[in-house]
Amino acid sequence: ERTLRGVVWSLLLAGSCLGALSVFQ
């Protein structure tokens, strides 16, 4: 479960980075 929760935060970080870049553009 620890690895799984870390993966979820990796995915959320990916989504937030891409979303922030789209907003900036």
PDBML (XML) file of the C-alpha atoms, coordinates in Angstrom:
<?xml version="1.0" encoding="UTF-8" ?>
<PDBx:datablock datablockName="MODEL"
   xmlns:PDBx="http://pdbml.pdb.org/schema/pdbx-v50.xsd"
   xmlns:xsi="http://www.w3.org/2001/XMLSchema-instance"
   xsi:schemaLocation="http://pdbml.pdb.org/schema/pdbx-v50.xsd pdbx-v50.xsd">
   <PDBx:atom_siteCategory>
      <PDBx:atom_site id="1">
         <PDBx:B_iso_or_equiv>0.00</PDBx:B_iso_or_equiv>
         <PDBx:Cartn_x>0.000</PDBx:Cartn_x>
         <PDBx:Cartn_y>0.000</PDBx:Cartn_y>
         <PDBx:Cartn_z>0.000</PDBx:Cartn_z>
         <PDBx:auth_asym_id>A</PDBx:auth_asym_id>
         <PDBx:auth_atom_id>CA</PDBx:auth_atom_id>
         <PDBx:auth_comp_id>GLU</PDBx:auth_comp_id>
         <PDBx:auth_seq_id>1</PDBx:auth_seq_id>
         <PDBx:group_PDB>ATOM</PDBx:group_PDB>
         <PDBx:label_alt_id xsi:nil="true" />
         <PDBx:label_asym_id>A</PDBx:label_asym_id>
         <PDBx:label_atom_id>CA</PDBx:label_atom_id>
         <PDBx:label_comp_id>GLU</PDBx:label_comp_id>
         <PDBx:label_entity_id>1</PDBx:label_entity_id>
         <PDBx:label_seq_id>1</PDBx:label_seq_id>
         <PDBx:occupancy>1.00</PDBx:occupancy>
         <PDBx:pdbx_PDB_model_num>1</PDBx:pdbx_PDB_model_num>
         <PDBx:type_symbol>C</PDBx:type_symbol>
      </PDBx:atom_site>
      <PDBx:atom_site id="2">
         <PDBx:B_iso_or_equiv>0.00</PDBx:B_iso_or_equiv>
         <PDBx:Cartn_x>2.874</PDBx:Cartn_x>
         <PDBx:Cartn_y>2.391</PDBx:Cartn_y>
         <PDBx:Cartn_z>0.652</PDBx:Cartn_z>
         <PDBx:auth_asym_id>A</PDBx:auth_asym_id>
         <PDBx:auth_atom_id>CA</PDBx:auth_atom_id>
         <PDBx:auth_comp_id>ARG</PDBx:auth_comp_id>
         <PDBx:auth_seq_id>2</PDBx:auth_seq_id>
         <PDBx:group_PDB>ATOM</PDBx:group_PDB>
         <PDBx:label_alt_id xsi:nil="true" />
         <PDBx:label_asym_id>A</PDBx:label_asym_id>
         <PDBx:label_atom_id>CA</PDBx:label_atom_id>
         <PDBx:label_comp_id>ARG</PDBx:label_comp_id>
         <PDBx:label_entity_id>1</PDBx:label_entity_id>
         <PDBx:label_seq_id>2</PDBx:label_seq_id>
         <PDBx:occupancy>1.00</PDBx:occupancy>
         <PDBx:pdbx_PDB_model_num>1</PDBx:pdbx_PDB_model_num>
         <PDBx:type_symbol>C</PDBx:type_symbol>
      </PDBx:atom_site>
      <PDBx:atom_site id="3">
         <PDBx:B_iso_or_equiv>0.00</PDBx:B_iso_or_equiv>
         <PDBx:Cartn_x>4.177</PDBx:Cartn_x>
         <PDBx:Cartn_y>1.963</PDBx:Cartn_y>
         <PDBx:Cartn_z>-2.890</PDBx:Cartn_z>
         <PDBx:auth_asym_id>A</PDBx:auth_asym_id>
         <PDBx:auth_atom_id>CA</PDBx:auth_atom_id>
         <PDBx:auth_comp_id>THR</PDBx:auth_comp_id>
         <PDBx:auth_seq_id>3</PDBx:auth_seq_id>
         <PDBx:group_PDB>ATOM</PDBx:group_PDB>
         <PDBx:label_alt_id xsi:nil="true" />
         <PDBx:label_asym_id>A</PDBx:label_asym_id>
         <PDBx:label_atom_id>CA</PDBx:label_atom_id>
         <PDBx:label_comp_id>THR</PDBx:label_comp_id>
         <PDBx:label_entity_id>1</PDBx:label_entity_id>
         <PDBx:label_seq_id>3</PDBx:label_seq_id>
         <PDBx:occupancy>1.00</PDBx:occupancy>
         <PDBx:pdbx_PDB_model_num>1</PDBx:pdbx_PDB_model_num>
         <PDBx:type_symbol>C</PDBx:type_symbol>
      </PDBx:atom_site>
      <PDBx:atom_site id="4">
         <PDBx:B_iso_or_equiv>0.00</PDBx:B_iso_or_equiv>
         <PDBx:Cartn_x>0.650</PDBx:Cartn_x>
         <PDBx:Cartn_y>2.278</PDBx:Cartn_y>
         <PDBx:Cartn_z>-4.250</PDBx:Cartn_z>
         <PDBx:auth_asym_id>A</PDBx:auth_asym_id>
         <PDBx:auth_atom_id>CA</PDBx:auth_atom_id>
         <PDBx:auth_comp_id>LEU</PDBx:auth_comp_id>
         <PDBx:auth_seq_id>4</PDBx:auth_seq_id>
         <PDBx:group_PDB>ATOM</PDBx:group_PDB>
         <PDBx:label_alt_id xsi:nil="true" />
         <PDBx:label_asym_id>A</PDBx:label_asym_id>
         <PDBx:label_atom_id>CA</PDBx:label_atom_id>
         <PDBx:label_comp_id>LEU</PDBx:label_comp_id>
         <PDBx:label_entity_id>1</PDBx:label_entity_id>
         <PDBx:label_seq_id>4</PDBx:label_seq_id>
         <PDBx:occupancy>1.00</PDBx:occupancy>
         <PDBx:pdbx_PDB_model_num>1</PDBx:pdbx_PDB_model_num>
         <PDBx:type_symbol>C</PDBx:type_symbol>
      </PDBx:atom_site>
      <PDBx:atom_site id="5">
         <PDBx:B_iso_or_equiv>0.00</PDBx:B_iso_or_equiv>
         <PDBx:Cartn_x>0.034</PDBx:Cartn_x>
         <PDBx:Cartn_y>5.572</PDBx:Cartn_y>
         <PDBx:Cartn_z>-2.456</PDBx:Cartn_z>
         <PDBx:auth_asym_id>A</PDBx:auth_asym_id>
         <PDBx:auth_atom_id>CA</PDBx:auth_atom_id>
         <PDBx:auth_comp_id>ARG</PDBx:auth_comp_id>
         <PDBx:auth_seq_id>5</PDBx:auth_seq_id>
         <PDBx:group_PDB>ATOM</PDBx:group_PDB>
         <PDBx:label_alt_id xsi:nil="true" />
         <PDBx:label_asym_id>A</PDBx:label_asym_id>
         <PDBx:label_atom_id>CA</PDBx:label_atom_id>
         <PDBx:label_comp_id>ARG</PDBx:label_comp_id>
         <PDBx:label_entity_id>1</PDBx:label_entity_id>
         <PDBx:label_seq_id>5</PDBx:label_seq_id>
         <PDBx:occupancy>1.00</PDBx:occupancy>
         <PDBx:pdbx_PDB_model_num>1</PDBx:pdbx_PDB_model_num>
         <PDBx:type_symbol>C</PDBx:type_symbol>
      </PDBx:atom_site>
      <PDBx:atom_site id="6">
         <PDBx:B_iso_or_equiv>0.00</PDBx:B_iso_or_equiv>
         <PDBx:Cartn_x>3.368</PDBx:Cartn_x>
         <PDBx:Cartn_y>6.867</PDBx:Cartn_y>
         <PDBx:Cartn_z>-3.706</PDBx:Cartn_z>
         <PDBx:auth_asym_id>A</PDBx:auth_asym_id>
         <PDBx:auth_atom_id>CA</PDBx:auth_atom_id>
         <PDBx:auth_comp_id>GLY</PDBx:auth_comp_id>
         <PDBx:auth_seq_id>6</PDBx:auth_seq_id>
         <PDBx:group_PDB>ATOM</PDBx:group_PDB>
         <PDBx:label_alt_id xsi:nil="true" />
         <PDBx:label_asym_id>A</PDBx:label_asym_id>
         <PDBx:label_atom_id>CA</PDBx:label_atom_id>
         <PDBx:label_comp_id>GLY</PDBx:label_comp_id>
         <PDBx:label_entity_id>1</PDBx:label_entity_id>
         <PDBx:label_seq_id>6</PDBx:label_seq_id>
         <PDBx:occupancy>1.00</PDBx:occupancy>
         <PDBx:pdbx_PDB_model_num>1</PDBx:pdbx_PDB_model_num>
         <PDBx:type_symbol>C</PDBx:type_symbol>
      </PDBx:atom_site>
      <PDBx:atom_site id="7">
         <PDBx:B_iso_or_equiv>0.00</PDBx:B_iso_or_equiv>
         <PDBx:Cartn_x>2.303</PDBx:Cartn_x>
         <PDBx:Cartn_y>5.981</PDBx:Cartn_y>
         <PDBx:Cartn_z>-7.249</PDBx:Cartn_z>
         <PDBx:auth_asym_id>A</PDBx:auth_asym_id>
         <PDBx:auth_atom_id>CA</PDBx:auth_atom_id>
         <PDBx:auth_comp_id>VAL</PDBx:auth_comp_id>
         <PDBx:auth_seq_id>7</PDBx:auth_seq_id>
         <PDBx:group_PDB>ATOM</PDBx:group_PDB>
         <PDBx:label_alt_id xsi:nil="true" />
         <PDBx:label_asym_id>A</PDBx:label_asym_id>
         <PDBx:label_atom_id>CA</PDBx:label_atom_id>
         <PDBx:label_comp_id>VAL</PDBx:label_comp_id>
         <PDBx:label_entity_id>1</PDBx:label_entity_id>
         <PDBx:label_seq_id>7</PDBx:label_seq_id>
         <PDBx:occupancy>1.00</PDBx:occupancy>
         <PDBx:pdbx_PDB_model_num>1</PDBx:pdbx_PDB_model_num>
         <PDBx:type_symbol>C</PDBx:type_symbol>
      </PDBx:atom_site>
      <PDBx:atom_site id="8">
         <PDBx:B_iso_or_equiv>0.00</PDBx:B_iso_or_equiv>
         <PDBx:Cartn_x>-0.935</PDBx:Cartn_x>
         <PDBx:Cartn_y>7.935</PDBx:Cartn_y>
         <PDBx:Cartn_z>-6.800</PDBx:Cartn_z>
         <PDBx:auth_asym_id>A</PDBx:auth_asym_id>
         <PDBx:auth_atom_id>CA</PDBx:auth_atom_id>
         <PDBx:auth_comp_id>VAL</PDBx:auth_comp_id>
         <PDBx:auth_seq_id>8</PDBx:auth_seq_id>
         <PDBx:group_PDB>ATOM</PDBx:group_PDB>
         <PDBx:label_alt_id xsi:nil="true" />
         <PDBx:label_asym_id>A</PDBx:label_asym_id>
         <PDBx:label_atom_id>CA</PDBx:label_atom_id>
         <PDBx:label_comp_id>VAL</PDBx:label_comp_id>
         <PDBx:label_entity_id>1</PDBx:label_entity_id>
         <PDBx:label_seq_id>8</PDBx:label_seq_id>
         <PDBx:occupancy>1.00</PDBx:occupancy>
         <PDBx:pdbx_PDB_model_num>1</PDBx:pdbx_PDB_model_num>
         <PDBx:type_symbol>C</PDBx:type_symbol>
      </PDBx:atom_site>
      <PDBx:atom_site id="9">
         <PDBx:B_iso_or_equiv>0.00</PDBx:B_iso_or_equiv>
         <PDBx:Cartn_x>1.034</PDBx:Cartn_x>
         <PDBx:Cartn_y>11.018</PDBx:Cartn_y>
         <PDBx:Cartn_z>-5.775</PDBx:Cartn_z>
         <PDBx:auth_asym_id>A</PDBx:auth_asym_id>
         <PDBx:auth_atom_id>CA</PDBx:auth_atom_id>
         <PDBx:auth_comp_id>TRP</PDBx:auth_comp_id>
         <PDBx:auth_seq_id>9</PDBx:auth_seq_id>
         <PDBx:group_PDB>ATOM</PDBx:group_PDB>
         <PDBx:label_alt_id xsi:nil="true" />
         <PDBx:label_asym_id>A</PDBx:label_asym_id>
         <PDBx:label_atom_id>CA</PDBx:label_atom_id>
         <PDBx:label_comp_id>TRP</PDBx:label_comp_id>
         <PDBx:label_entity_id>1</PDBx:label_entity_id>
         <PDBx:label_seq_id>9</PDBx:label_seq_id>
         <PDBx:occupancy>1.00</PDBx:occupancy>
         <PDBx:pdbx_PDB_model_num>1</PDBx:pdbx_PDB_model_num>
         <PDBx:type_symbol>C</PDBx:type_symbol>
      </PDBx:atom_site>
      <PDBx:atom_site id="10">
         <PDBx:B_iso_or_equiv>0.00</PDBx:B_iso_or_equiv>
         <PDBx:Cartn_x>3.368</PDBx:Cartn_x>
         <PDBx:Cartn_y>10.489</PDBx:Cartn_y>
         <PDBx:Cartn_z>-8.749</PDBx:Cartn_z>
         <PDBx:auth_asym_id>A</PDBx:auth_asym_id>
         <PDBx:auth_atom_id>CA</PDBx:auth_atom_id>
         <PDBx:auth_comp_id>SER</PDBx:auth_comp_id>
         <PDBx:auth_seq_id>10</PDBx:auth_seq_id>
         <PDBx:group_PDB>ATOM</PDBx:group_PDB>
         <PDBx:label_alt_id xsi:nil="true" />
         <PDBx:label_asym_id>A</PDBx:label_asym_id>
         <PDBx:label_atom_id>CA</PDBx:label_atom_id>
         <PDBx:label_comp_id>SER</PDBx:label_comp_id>
         <PDBx:label_entity_id>1</PDBx:label_entity_id>
         <PDBx:label_seq_id>10</PDBx:label_seq_id>
         <PDBx:occupancy>1.00</PDBx:occupancy>
         <PDBx:pdbx_PDB_model_num>1</PDBx:pdbx_PDB_model_num>
         <PDBx:type_symbol>C</PDBx:type_symbol>
      </PDBx:atom_site>
      <PDBx:atom_site id="11">
         <PDBx:B_iso_or_equiv>0.00</PDBx:B_iso_or_equiv>
         <PDBx:Cartn_x>0.333</PDBx:Cartn_x>
         <PDBx:Cartn_y>10.521</PDBx:Cartn_y>
         <PDBx:Cartn_z>-11.033</PDBx:Cartn_z>
         <PDBx:auth_asym_id>A</PDBx:auth_asym_id>
         <PDBx:auth_atom_id>CA</PDBx:auth_atom_id>
         <PDBx:auth_comp_id>LEU</PDBx:auth_comp_id>
         <PDBx:auth_seq_id>11</PDBx:auth_seq_id>
         <PDBx:group_PDB>ATOM</PDBx:group_PDB>
         <PDBx:label_alt_id xsi:nil="true" />
         <PDBx:label_asym_id>A</PDBx:label_asym_id>
         <PDBx:label_atom_id>CA</PDBx:label_atom_id>
         <PDBx:label_comp_id>LEU</PDBx:label_comp_id>
         <PDBx:label_entity_id>1</PDBx:label_entity_id>
         <PDBx:label_seq_id>11</PDBx:label_seq_id>
         <PDBx:occupancy>1.00</PDBx:occupancy>
         <PDBx:pdbx_PDB_model_num>1</PDBx:pdbx_PDB_model_num>
         <PDBx:type_symbol>C</PDBx:type_symbol>
      </PDBx:atom_site>
      <PDBx:atom_site id="12">
         <PDBx:B_iso_or_equiv>0.00</PDBx:B_iso_or_equiv>
         <PDBx:Cartn_x>-1.133</PDBx:Cartn_x>
         <PDBx:Cartn_y>13.599</PDBx:Cartn_y>
         <PDBx:Cartn_z>-9.351</PDBx:Cartn_z>
         <PDBx:auth_asym_id>A</PDBx:auth_asym_id>
         <PDBx:auth_atom_id>CA</PDBx:auth_atom_id>
         <PDBx:auth_comp_id>LEU</PDBx:auth_comp_id>
         <PDBx:auth_seq_id>12</PDBx:auth_seq_id>
         <PDBx:group_PDB>ATOM</PDBx:group_PDB>
         <PDBx:label_alt_id xsi:nil="true" />
         <PDBx:label_asym_id>A</PDBx:label_asym_id>
         <PDBx:label_atom_id>CA</PDBx:label_atom_id>
         <PDBx:label_comp_id>LEU</PDBx:label_comp_id>
         <PDBx:label_entity_id>1</PDBx:label_entity_id>
         <PDBx:label_seq_id>12</PDBx:label_seq_id>
         <PDBx:occupancy>1.00</PDBx:occupancy>
         <PDBx:pdbx_PDB_model_num>1</PDBx:pdbx_PDB_model_num>
         <PDBx:type_symbol>C</PDBx:type_symbol>
      </PDBx:atom_site>
      <PDBx:atom_site id="13">
         <PDBx:B_iso_or_equiv>0.00</PDBx:B_iso_or_equiv>
         <PDBx:Cartn_x>2.226</PDBx:Cartn_x>
         <PDBx:Cartn_y>15.349</PDBx:Cartn_y>
         <PDBx:Cartn_z>-9.654</PDBx:Cartn_z>
         <PDBx:auth_asym_id>A</PDBx:auth_asym_id>
         <PDBx:auth_atom_id>CA</PDBx:auth_atom_id>
         <PDBx:auth_comp_id>LEU</PDBx:auth_comp_id>
         <PDBx:auth_seq_id>13</PDBx:auth_seq_id>
         <PDBx:group_PDB>ATOM</PDBx:group_PDB>
         <PDBx:label_alt_id xsi:nil="true" />
         <PDBx:label_asym_id>A</PDBx:label_asym_id>
         <PDBx:label_atom_id>CA</PDBx:label_atom_id>
         <PDBx:label_comp_id>LEU</PDBx:label_comp_id>
         <PDBx:label_entity_id>1</PDBx:label_entity_id>
         <PDBx:label_seq_id>13</PDBx:label_seq_id>
         <PDBx:occupancy>1.00</PDBx:occupancy>
         <PDBx:pdbx_PDB_model_num>1</PDBx:pdbx_PDB_model_num>
         <PDBx:type_symbol>C</PDBx:type_symbol>
      </PDBx:atom_site>
      <PDBx:atom_site id="14">
         <PDBx:B_iso_or_equiv>0.00</PDBx:B_iso_or_equiv>
         <PDBx:Cartn_x>2.308</PDBx:Cartn_x>
         <PDBx:Cartn_y>14.479</PDBx:Cartn_y>
         <PDBx:Cartn_z>-13.361</PDBx:Cartn_z>
         <PDBx:auth_asym_id>A</PDBx:auth_asym_id>
         <PDBx:auth_atom_id>CA</PDBx:auth_atom_id>
         <PDBx:auth_comp_id>ALA</PDBx:auth_comp_id>
         <PDBx:auth_seq_id>14</PDBx:auth_seq_id>
         <PDBx:group_PDB>ATOM</PDBx:group_PDB>
         <PDBx:label_alt_id xsi:nil="true" />
         <PDBx:label_asym_id>A</PDBx:label_asym_id>
         <PDBx:label_atom_id>CA</PDBx:label_atom_id>
         <PDBx:label_comp_id>ALA</PDBx:label_comp_id>
         <PDBx:label_entity_id>1</PDBx:label_entity_id>
         <PDBx:label_seq_id>14</PDBx:label_seq_id>
         <PDBx:occupancy>1.00</PDBx:occupancy>
         <PDBx:pdbx_PDB_model_num>1</PDBx:pdbx_PDB_model_num>
         <PDBx:type_symbol>C</PDBx:type_symbol>
      </PDBx:atom_site>
      <PDBx:atom_site id="15">
         <PDBx:B_iso_or_equiv>0.00</PDBx:B_iso_or_equiv>
         <PDBx:Cartn_x>-1.204</PDBx:Cartn_x>
         <PDBx:Cartn_y>15.820</PDBx:Cartn_y>
         <PDBx:Cartn_z>-13.865</PDBx:Cartn_z>
         <PDBx:auth_asym_id>A</PDBx:auth_asym_id>
         <PDBx:auth_atom_id>CA</PDBx:auth_atom_id>
         <PDBx:auth_comp_id>GLY</PDBx:auth_comp_id>
         <PDBx:auth_seq_id>15</PDBx:auth_seq_id>
         <PDBx:group_PDB>ATOM</PDBx:group_PDB>
         <PDBx:label_alt_id xsi:nil="true" />
         <PDBx:label_asym_id>A</PDBx:label_asym_id>
         <PDBx:label_atom_id>CA</PDBx:label_atom_id>
         <PDBx:label_comp_id>GLY</PDBx:label_comp_id>
         <PDBx:label_entity_id>1</PDBx:label_entity_id>
         <PDBx:label_seq_id>15</PDBx:label_seq_id>
         <PDBx:occupancy>1.00</PDBx:occupancy>
         <PDBx:pdbx_PDB_model_num>1</PDBx:pdbx_PDB_model_num>
         <PDBx:type_symbol>C</PDBx:type_symbol>
      </PDBx:atom_site>
      <PDBx:atom_site id="16">
         <PDBx:B_iso_or_equiv>0.00</PDBx:B_iso_or_equiv>
         <PDBx:Cartn_x>-0.505</PDBx:Cartn_x>
         <PDBx:Cartn_y>19.021</PDBx:Cartn_y>
         <PDBx:Cartn_z>-11.956</PDBx:Cartn_z>
         <PDBx:auth_asym_id>A</PDBx:auth_asym_id>
         <PDBx:auth_atom_id>CA</PDBx:auth_atom_id>
         <PDBx:auth_comp_id>SER</PDBx:auth_comp_id>
         <PDBx:auth_seq_id>16</PDBx:auth_seq_id>
         <PDBx:group_PDB>ATOM</PDBx:group_PDB>
         <PDBx:label_alt_id xsi:nil="true" />
         <PDBx:label_asym_id>A</PDBx:label_asym_id>
         <PDBx:label_atom_id>CA</PDBx:label_atom_id>
         <PDBx:label_comp_id>SER</PDBx:label_comp_id>
         <PDBx:label_entity_id>1</PDBx:label_entity_id>
         <PDBx:label_seq_id>16</PDBx:label_seq_id>
         <PDBx:occupancy>1.00</PDBx:occupancy>
         <PDBx:pdbx_PDB_model_num>1</PDBx:pdbx_PDB_model_num>
         <PDBx:type_symbol>C</PDBx:type_symbol>
      </PDBx:atom_site>
      <PDBx:atom_site id="17">
         <PDBx:B_iso_or_equiv>0.00</PDBx:B_iso_or_equiv>
         <PDBx:Cartn_x>2.743</PDBx:Cartn_x>
         <PDBx:Cartn_y>19.680</PDBx:Cartn_y>
         <PDBx:Cartn_z>-13.868</PDBx:Cartn_z>
         <PDBx:auth_asym_id>A</PDBx:auth_asym_id>
         <PDBx:auth_atom_id>CA</PDBx:auth_atom_id>
         <PDBx:auth_comp_id>CYS</PDBx:auth_comp_id>
         <PDBx:auth_seq_id>17</PDBx:auth_seq_id>
         <PDBx:group_PDB>ATOM</PDBx:group_PDB>
         <PDBx:label_alt_id xsi:nil="true" />
         <PDBx:label_asym_id>A</PDBx:label_asym_id>
         <PDBx:label_atom_id>CA</PDBx:label_atom_id>
         <PDBx:label_comp_id>CYS</PDBx:label_comp_id>
         <PDBx:label_entity_id>1</PDBx:label_entity_id>
         <PDBx:label_seq_id>17</PDBx:label_seq_id>
         <PDBx:occupancy>1.00</PDBx:occupancy>
         <PDBx:pdbx_PDB_model_num>1</PDBx:pdbx_PDB_model_num>
         <PDBx:type_symbol>C</PDBx:type_symbol>
      </PDBx:atom_site>
      <PDBx:atom_site id="18">
         <PDBx:B_iso_or_equiv>0.00</PDBx:B_iso_or_equiv>
         <PDBx:Cartn_x>1.073</PDBx:Cartn_x>
         <PDBx:Cartn_y>19.183</PDBx:Cartn_y>
         <PDBx:Cartn_z>-17.240</PDBx:Cartn_z>
         <PDBx:auth_asym_id>A</PDBx:auth_asym_id>
         <PDBx:auth_atom_id>CA</PDBx:auth_atom_id>
         <PDBx:auth_comp_id>LEU</PDBx:auth_comp_id>
         <PDBx:auth_seq_id>18</PDBx:auth_seq_id>
         <PDBx:group_PDB>ATOM</PDBx:group_PDB>
         <PDBx:label_alt_id xsi:nil="true" />
         <PDBx:label_asym_id>A</PDBx:label_asym_id>
         <PDBx:label_atom_id>CA</PDBx:label_atom_id>
         <PDBx:label_comp_id>LEU</PDBx:label_comp_id>
         <PDBx:label_entity_id>1</PDBx:label_entity_id>
         <PDBx:label_seq_id>18</PDBx:label_seq_id>
         <PDBx:occupancy>1.00</PDBx:occupancy>
         <PDBx:pdbx_PDB_model_num>1</PDBx:pdbx_PDB_model_num>
         <PDBx:type_symbol>C</PDBx:type_symbol>
      </PDBx:atom_site>
      <PDBx:atom_site id="19">
         <PDBx:B_iso_or_equiv>0.00</PDBx:B_iso_or_equiv>
         <PDBx:Cartn_x>-1.975</PDBx:Cartn_x>
         <PDBx:Cartn_y>21.183</PDBx:Cartn_y>
         <PDBx:Cartn_z>-16.182</PDBx:Cartn_z>
         <PDBx:auth_asym_id>A</PDBx:auth_asym_id>
         <PDBx:auth_atom_id>CA</PDBx:auth_atom_id>
         <PDBx:auth_comp_id>GLY</PDBx:auth_comp_id>
         <PDBx:auth_seq_id>19</PDBx:auth_seq_id>
         <PDBx:group_PDB>ATOM</PDBx:group_PDB>
         <PDBx:label_alt_id xsi:nil="true" />
         <PDBx:label_asym_id>A</PDBx:label_asym_id>
         <PDBx:label_atom_id>CA</PDBx:label_atom_id>
         <PDBx:label_comp_id>GLY</PDBx:label_comp_id>
         <PDBx:label_entity_id>1</PDBx:label_entity_id>
         <PDBx:label_seq_id>19</PDBx:label_seq_id>
         <PDBx:occupancy>1.00</PDBx:occupancy>
         <PDBx:pdbx_PDB_model_num>1</PDBx:pdbx_PDB_model_num>
         <PDBx:type_symbol>C</PDBx:type_symbol>
      </PDBx:atom_site>
      <PDBx:atom_site id="20">
         <PDBx:B_iso_or_equiv>0.00</PDBx:B_iso_or_equiv>
         <PDBx:Cartn_x>0.132</PDBx:Cartn_x>
         <PDBx:Cartn_y>24.060</PDBx:Cartn_y>
         <PDBx:Cartn_z>-14.863</PDBx:Cartn_z>
         <PDBx:auth_asym_id>A</PDBx:auth_asym_id>
         <PDBx:auth_atom_id>CA</PDBx:auth_atom_id>
         <PDBx:auth_comp_id>ALA</PDBx:auth_comp_id>
         <PDBx:auth_seq_id>20</PDBx:auth_seq_id>
         <PDBx:group_PDB>ATOM</PDBx:group_PDB>
         <PDBx:label_alt_id xsi:nil="true" />
         <PDBx:label_asym_id>A</PDBx:label_asym_id>
         <PDBx:label_atom_id>CA</PDBx:label_atom_id>
         <PDBx:label_comp_id>ALA</PDBx:label_comp_id>
         <PDBx:label_entity_id>1</PDBx:label_entity_id>
         <PDBx:label_seq_id>20</PDBx:label_seq_id>
         <PDBx:occupancy>1.00</PDBx:occupancy>
         <PDBx:pdbx_PDB_model_num>1</PDBx:pdbx_PDB_model_num>
         <PDBx:type_symbol>C</PDBx:type_symbol>
      </PDBx:atom_site>
      <PDBx:atom_site id="21">
         <PDBx:B_iso_or_equiv>0.00</PDBx:B_iso_or_equiv>
         <PDBx:Cartn_x>2.106</PDBx:Cartn_x>
         <PDBx:Cartn_y>24.180</PDBx:Cartn_y>
         <PDBx:Cartn_z>-18.103</PDBx:Cartn_z>
         <PDBx:auth_asym_id>A</PDBx:auth_asym_id>
         <PDBx:auth_atom_id>CA</PDBx:auth_atom_id>
         <PDBx:auth_comp_id>LEU</PDBx:auth_comp_id>
         <PDBx:auth_seq_id>21</PDBx:auth_seq_id>
         <PDBx:group_PDB>ATOM</PDBx:group_PDB>
         <PDBx:label_alt_id xsi:nil="true" />
         <PDBx:label_asym_id>A</PDBx:label_asym_id>
         <PDBx:label_atom_id>CA</PDBx:label_atom_id>
         <PDBx:label_comp_id>LEU</PDBx:label_comp_id>
         <PDBx:label_entity_id>1</PDBx:label_entity_id>
         <PDBx:label_seq_id>21</PDBx:label_seq_id>
         <PDBx:occupancy>1.00</PDBx:occupancy>
         <PDBx:pdbx_PDB_model_num>1</PDBx:pdbx_PDB_model_num>
         <PDBx:type_symbol>C</PDBx:type_symbol>
      </PDBx:atom_site>
      <PDBx:atom_site id="22">
         <PDBx:B_iso_or_equiv>0.00</PDBx:B_iso_or_equiv>
         <PDBx:Cartn_x>-1.120</PDBx:Cartn_x>
         <PDBx:Cartn_y>24.259</PDBx:Cartn_y>
         <PDBx:Cartn_z>-20.131</PDBx:Cartn_z>
         <PDBx:auth_asym_id>A</PDBx:auth_asym_id>
         <PDBx:auth_atom_id>CA</PDBx:auth_atom_id>
         <PDBx:auth_comp_id>SER</PDBx:auth_comp_id>
         <PDBx:auth_seq_id>22</PDBx:auth_seq_id>
         <PDBx:group_PDB>ATOM</PDBx:group_PDB>
         <PDBx:label_alt_id xsi:nil="true" />
         <PDBx:label_asym_id>A</PDBx:label_asym_id>
         <PDBx:label_atom_id>CA</PDBx:label_atom_id>
         <PDBx:label_comp_id>SER</PDBx:label_comp_id>
         <PDBx:label_entity_id>1</PDBx:label_entity_id>
         <PDBx:label_seq_id>22</PDBx:label_seq_id>
         <PDBx:occupancy>1.00</PDBx:occupancy>
         <PDBx:pdbx_PDB_model_num>1</PDBx:pdbx_PDB_model_num>
         <PDBx:type_symbol>C</PDBx:type_symbol>
      </PDBx:atom_site>
      <PDBx:atom_site id="23">
         <PDBx:B_iso_or_equiv>0.00</PDBx:B_iso_or_equiv>
         <PDBx:Cartn_x>-2.493</PDBx:Cartn_x>
         <PDBx:Cartn_y>27.074</PDBx:Cartn_y>
         <PDBx:Cartn_z>-17.963</PDBx:Cartn_z>
         <PDBx:auth_asym_id>A</PDBx:auth_asym_id>
         <PDBx:auth_atom_id>CA</PDBx:auth_atom_id>
         <PDBx:auth_comp_id>VAL</PDBx:auth_comp_id>
         <PDBx:auth_seq_id>23</PDBx:auth_seq_id>
         <PDBx:group_PDB>ATOM</PDBx:group_PDB>
         <PDBx:label_alt_id xsi:nil="true" />
         <PDBx:label_asym_id>A</PDBx:label_asym_id>
         <PDBx:label_atom_id>CA</PDBx:label_atom_id>
         <PDBx:label_comp_id>VAL</PDBx:label_comp_id>
         <PDBx:label_entity_id>1</PDBx:label_entity_id>
         <PDBx:label_seq_id>23</PDBx:label_seq_id>
         <PDBx:occupancy>1.00</PDBx:occupancy>
         <PDBx:pdbx_PDB_model_num>1</PDBx:pdbx_PDB_model_num>
         <PDBx:type_symbol>C</PDBx:type_symbol>
      </PDBx:atom_site>
      <PDBx:atom_site id="24">
         <PDBx:B_iso_or_equiv>0.00</PDBx:B_iso_or_equiv>
         <PDBx:Cartn_x>0.713</PDBx:Cartn_x>
         <PDBx:Cartn_y>29.071</PDBx:Cartn_y>
         <PDBx:Cartn_z>-18.364</PDBx:Cartn_z>
         <PDBx:auth_asym_id>A</PDBx:auth_asym_id>
         <PDBx:auth_atom_id>CA</PDBx:auth_atom_id>
         <PDBx:auth_comp_id>PHE</PDBx:auth_comp_id>
         <PDBx:auth_seq_id>24</PDBx:auth_seq_id>
         <PDBx:group_PDB>ATOM</PDBx:group_PDB>
         <PDBx:label_alt_id xsi:nil="true" />
         <PDBx:label_asym_id>A</PDBx:label_asym_id>
         <PDBx:label_atom_id>CA</PDBx:label_atom_id>
         <PDBx:label_comp_id>PHE</PDBx:label_comp_id>
         <PDBx:label_entity_id>1</PDBx:label_entity_id>
         <PDBx:label_seq_id>24</PDBx:label_seq_id>
         <PDBx:occupancy>1.00</PDBx:occupancy>
         <PDBx:pdbx_PDB_model_num>1</PDBx:pdbx_PDB_model_num>
         <PDBx:type_symbol>C</PDBx:type_symbol>
      </PDBx:atom_site>
      <PDBx:atom_site id="25">
         <PDBx:B_iso_or_equiv>0.00</PDBx:B_iso_or_equiv>
         <PDBx:Cartn_x>0.723</PDBx:Cartn_x>
         <PDBx:Cartn_y>28.589</PDBx:Cartn_y>
         <PDBx:Cartn_z>-22.133</PDBx:Cartn_z>
         <PDBx:auth_asym_id>A</PDBx:auth_asym_id>
         <PDBx:auth_atom_id>CA</PDBx:auth_atom_id>
         <PDBx:auth_comp_id>GLN</PDBx:auth_comp_id>
         <PDBx:auth_seq_id>25</PDBx:auth_seq_id>
         <PDBx:group_PDB>ATOM</PDBx:group_PDB>
         <PDBx:label_alt_id xsi:nil="true" />
         <PDBx:label_asym_id>A</PDBx:label_asym_id>
         <PDBx:label_atom_id>CA</PDBx:label_atom_id>
         <PDBx:label_comp_id>GLN</PDBx:label_comp_id>
         <PDBx:label_entity_id>1</PDBx:label_entity_id>
         <PDBx:label_seq_id>25</PDBx:label_seq_id>
         <PDBx:occupancy>1.00</PDBx:occupancy>
         <PDBx:pdbx_PDB_model_num>1</PDBx:pdbx_PDB_model_num>
         <PDBx:type_symbol>C</PDBx:type_symbol>
      </PDBx:atom_site>
   </PDBx:atom_siteCategory>
</PDBx:datablock>
